[in-house]
Amino acid sequence: MNAIKIEILGTGCKKCQQLEANAKEAVANLNLTAEVSHITCKLRITNYEL
């Protein structure tokens, strides 16, 4: 099974910090192999492509 990549896009506010924590907790609870990263750079968020 391939690793999952989860990217949280946000400036670092309390809500996006909580979202990152929730994502990490969900990954752990589901025993998934996943990389959770938090992108806070406004330029990178603006230019983000799916």
C-alpha atoms as a PDB file:
ATOM      1  CA  MET A   1       0.000   0.000   0.000  1.00  0.00           C
ATOM      2  CA  ASN A   2       1.307   3.461  -0.915  1.00  0.00           C
ATOM      3  CA  ALA A   3       1.871   6.095   1.729  1.00  0.00           C
ATOM      4  CA  ILE A   4      -0.709   8.848   1.899  1.00  0.00           C
ATOM      5  CA  LYS A   5       0.384  12.483   1.695  1.00  0.00           C
ATOM      6  CA  ILE A   6      -1.767  14.951   3.629  1.00  0.00           C
ATOM      7  CA  GLU A   7      -1.050  18.655   3.305  1.00  0.00           C
ATOM      8  CA  ILE A   8      -2.656  21.188   5.612  1.00  0.00           C
ATOM      9  CA  LEU A   9      -2.803  24.645   4.013  1.00  0.00           C
ATOM     10  CA  GLY A  10      -3.049  27.483   6.498  1.00  0.00           C
ATOM     11  CA  THR A  11      -1.175  30.396   7.969  1.00  0.00           C
ATOM     12  CA  GLY A  12      -0.591  28.731  11.327  1.00  0.00           C
ATOM     13  CA  CYS A  13      -3.666  29.956  13.179  1.00  0.00           C
ATOM     14  CA  LYS A  14      -5.160  27.978  16.029  1.00  0.00           C
ATOM     15  CA  LYS A  15      -7.769  26.354  13.763  1.00  0.00           C
ATOM     16  CA  CYS A  16      -5.284  25.019  11.216  1.00  0.00           C
ATOM     17  CA  GLN A  17      -2.967  23.851  14.003  1.00  0.00           C
ATOM     18  CA  GLN A  18      -5.909  21.892  15.413  1.00  0.00           C
ATOM     19  CA  LEU A  19      -6.668  20.495  11.951  1.00  0.00           C
ATOM     20  CA  GLU A  20      -3.081  19.266  11.679  1.00  0.00           C
ATOM     21  CA  ALA A  21      -3.297  17.637  15.112  1.00  0.00           C
ATOM     22  CA  ASN A  22      -6.627  16.005  14.197  1.00  0.00           C
ATOM     23  CA  ALA A  23      -5.199  14.664  10.937  1.00  0.00           C
ATOM     24  CA  LYS A  24      -2.188  13.179  12.732  1.00  0.00           C
ATOM     25  CA  GLU A  25      -4.433  11.615  15.363  1.00  0.00           C
ATOM     26  CA  ALA A  26      -6.707  10.100  12.702  1.00  0.00           C
ATOM     27  CA  VAL A  27      -3.703   8.659  10.848  1.00  0.00           C
ATOM     28  CA  ALA A  28      -2.440   7.095  14.073  1.00  0.00           C
ATOM     29  CA  ASN A  29      -5.864   5.735  15.073  1.00  0.00           C
ATOM     30  CA  LEU A  30      -6.322   4.123  11.662  1.00  0.00           C
ATOM     31  CA  ASN A  31      -2.765   2.701  11.623  1.00  0.00           C
ATOM     32  CA  LEU A  32      -2.099   4.328   8.263  1.00  0.00           C
ATOM     33  CA  THR A  33       1.234   5.152   6.721  1.00  0.00           C
ATOM     34  CA  ALA A  34       0.936   8.848   5.975  1.00  0.00           C
ATOM     35  CA  GLU A  35       3.003  11.994   5.811  1.00  0.00           C
ATOM     36  CA  VAL A  36       1.215  14.990   7.324  1.00  0.00           C
ATOM     37  CA  SER A  37       2.724  18.363   6.502  1.00  0.00           C
ATOM     38  CA  HIS A  38       1.575  21.887   7.253  1.00  0.00           C
ATOM     39  CA  ILE A  39       2.199  24.525   4.592  1.00  0.00           C
ATOM     40  CA  THR A  40       2.149  28.008   6.102  1.00  0.00           C
ATOM     41  CA  CYS A  41       3.896  30.054   3.397  1.00  0.00           C
ATOM     42  CA  LYS A  42       1.283  32.364   1.871  1.00  0.00           C
ATOM     43  CA  LEU A  43       3.048  32.314  -1.504  1.00  0.00           C
ATOM     44  CA  ARG A  44       3.072  28.510  -1.617  1.00  0.00           C
ATOM     45  CA  ILE A  45      -0.607  28.402  -0.599  1.00  0.00           C
ATOM     46  CA  THR A  46      -1.522  30.950  -3.277  1.00  0.00           C
ATOM     47  CA  ASN A  47       0.303  28.977  -5.969  1.00  0.00           C
ATOM     48  CA  TYR A  48      -0.858  25.561  -4.737  1.00  0.00           C
ATOM     49  CA  GLU A  49      -2.097  23.169  -7.418  1.00  0.00           C
ATOM     50  CA  LEU A  50      -3.974  19.941  -6.824  1.00  0.00           C
END
